[in-house]
Amino acid sequence: MAETARKEETVVAEYGERKIVIIPRYCKGCDICVKVCPAAVLDMKEFKVCVVDIEACTECMLCEVSCPDFAIEVHPSGKKGKVK
């Protein structure tokens, strides 16, 4: 019997080469990521994190490293700190 890999439901926000991936199932709504983001990129909606202004993201990755549930992935463009 073949096992099928379950694809995780994600919410992806992209701007140019910059990408932020949210895994809603992992988010418990603690609001830590929203509070640590210096650019106000994230907000809470229905007790889950969401991206509201990806253009303002400086790719500092504080949201990703602060999330206790690994619900956020920041895929940097390689141009850290430079907003287009």
Protein backbone atom coordinates (compact mmCIF):
# COMPACT_ATOMS: atom_id res chain seq x y z
CA MET A 1 0.00 0.00 0.00
CA ALA A 2 1.51 3.32 -1.07
CA GLU A 3 1.57 6.19 1.38
CA THR A 4 0.61 9.59 0.06
CA ALA A 5 2.43 12.59 1.45
CA ARG A 6 0.03 15.10 2.93
CA LYS A 7 0.66 18.57 1.55
CA GLU A 8 0.56 21.18 4.29
CA GLU A 9 -1.89 24.04 3.73
CA THR A 10 0.03 27.30 3.55
CA VAL A 11 -0.61 30.96 2.87
CA VAL A 12 2.09 32.58 0.75
CA ALA A 13 2.77 36.29 0.34
CA GLU A 14 5.25 37.35 -2.33
CA TYR A 15 6.81 40.60 -3.43
CA GLY A 16 9.54 40.37 -6.06
CA GLU A 17 11.92 37.68 -4.85
CA ARG A 18 10.78 38.04 -1.24
CA LYS A 19 8.41 35.39 0.13
CA ILE A 20 6.74 34.81 3.51
CA VAL A 21 5.00 31.49 4.11
CA ILE A 22 2.44 31.08 6.89
CA ILE A 23 1.29 27.63 8.04
CA PRO A 24 -2.08 28.42 9.68
CA ARG A 25 -2.44 24.99 11.29
CA TYR A 26 0.70 25.64 13.35
CA CYS A 27 -0.26 29.19 14.43
CA LYS A 28 -1.81 29.35 17.90
CA GLY A 29 -2.41 33.10 17.74
CA CYS A 30 0.14 34.11 20.38
CA ASP A 31 0.83 37.44 18.58
CA ILE A 32 4.60 37.30 19.30
CA CYS A 33 5.56 37.64 15.62
CA VAL A 34 3.36 40.72 15.20
CA LYS A 35 4.93 42.39 18.23
CA VAL A 36 8.56 41.72 17.23
CA CYS A 37 8.22 42.83 13.60
CA PRO A 38 9.88 46.25 13.32
CA ALA A 39 8.19 47.00 9.99
CA ALA A 40 4.55 46.12 10.87
CA VAL A 41 4.44 43.48 8.13
CA LEU A 42 2.23 41.08 10.10
CA ASP A 43 -1.12 41.31 11.85
CA MET A 44 -3.63 38.96 13.43
CA LYS A 45 -6.87 38.02 11.67
CA GLU A 46 -9.30 35.56 13.24
CA PHE A 47 -6.63 34.53 15.77
CA LYS A 48 -4.09 33.64 13.04
CA VAL A 49 -1.12 35.58 11.74
CA CYS A 50 -1.38 37.13 8.29
CA VAL A 51 0.87 39.26 6.09
CA VAL A 52 -0.51 42.79 5.63
CA ASP A 53 2.44 44.67 4.08
CA ILE A 54 5.11 42.44 2.54
CA GLU A 55 6.61 45.41 0.70
CA ALA A 56 7.73 46.81 4.07
CA CYS A 57 9.55 43.59 5.04
CA THR A 58 13.26 44.09 5.72
CA GLU A 59 13.92 40.33 5.91
CA CYS A 60 15.21 40.61 9.48
CA MET A 61 13.56 37.22 10.15
CA LEU A 62 12.61 38.15 13.72
CA CYS A 63 9.10 36.80 13.10
CA GLU A 64 10.42 33.41 12.01
CA VAL A 65 12.91 32.96 14.84
CA SER A 66 10.43 34.25 17.45
CA CYS A 67 7.58 31.94 16.47
CA PRO A 68 7.40 29.14 19.06
CA ASP A 69 5.33 26.97 16.72
CA PHE A 70 7.35 27.30 13.47
CA ALA A 71 4.32 28.76 11.69
CA ILE A 72 6.31 31.35 9.70
CA GLU A 73 8.99 30.89 7.06
CA VAL A 74 10.79 33.87 5.55
CA HIS A 75 12.45 33.12 2.22
CA PRO A 76 14.85 36.03 1.74
CA SER A 77 15.54 37.58 -1.63
CA GLY A 78 19.26 37.84 -0.95
CA LYS A 79 18.92 41.63 -0.72
CA LYS A 80 18.47 41.80 3.04
CA GLY A 81 17.36 45.14 4.37
CA LYS A 82 16.78 46.68 0.95
CA VAL A 83 13.16 47.48 0.23
CA LYS A 84 12.36 47.82 -3.47
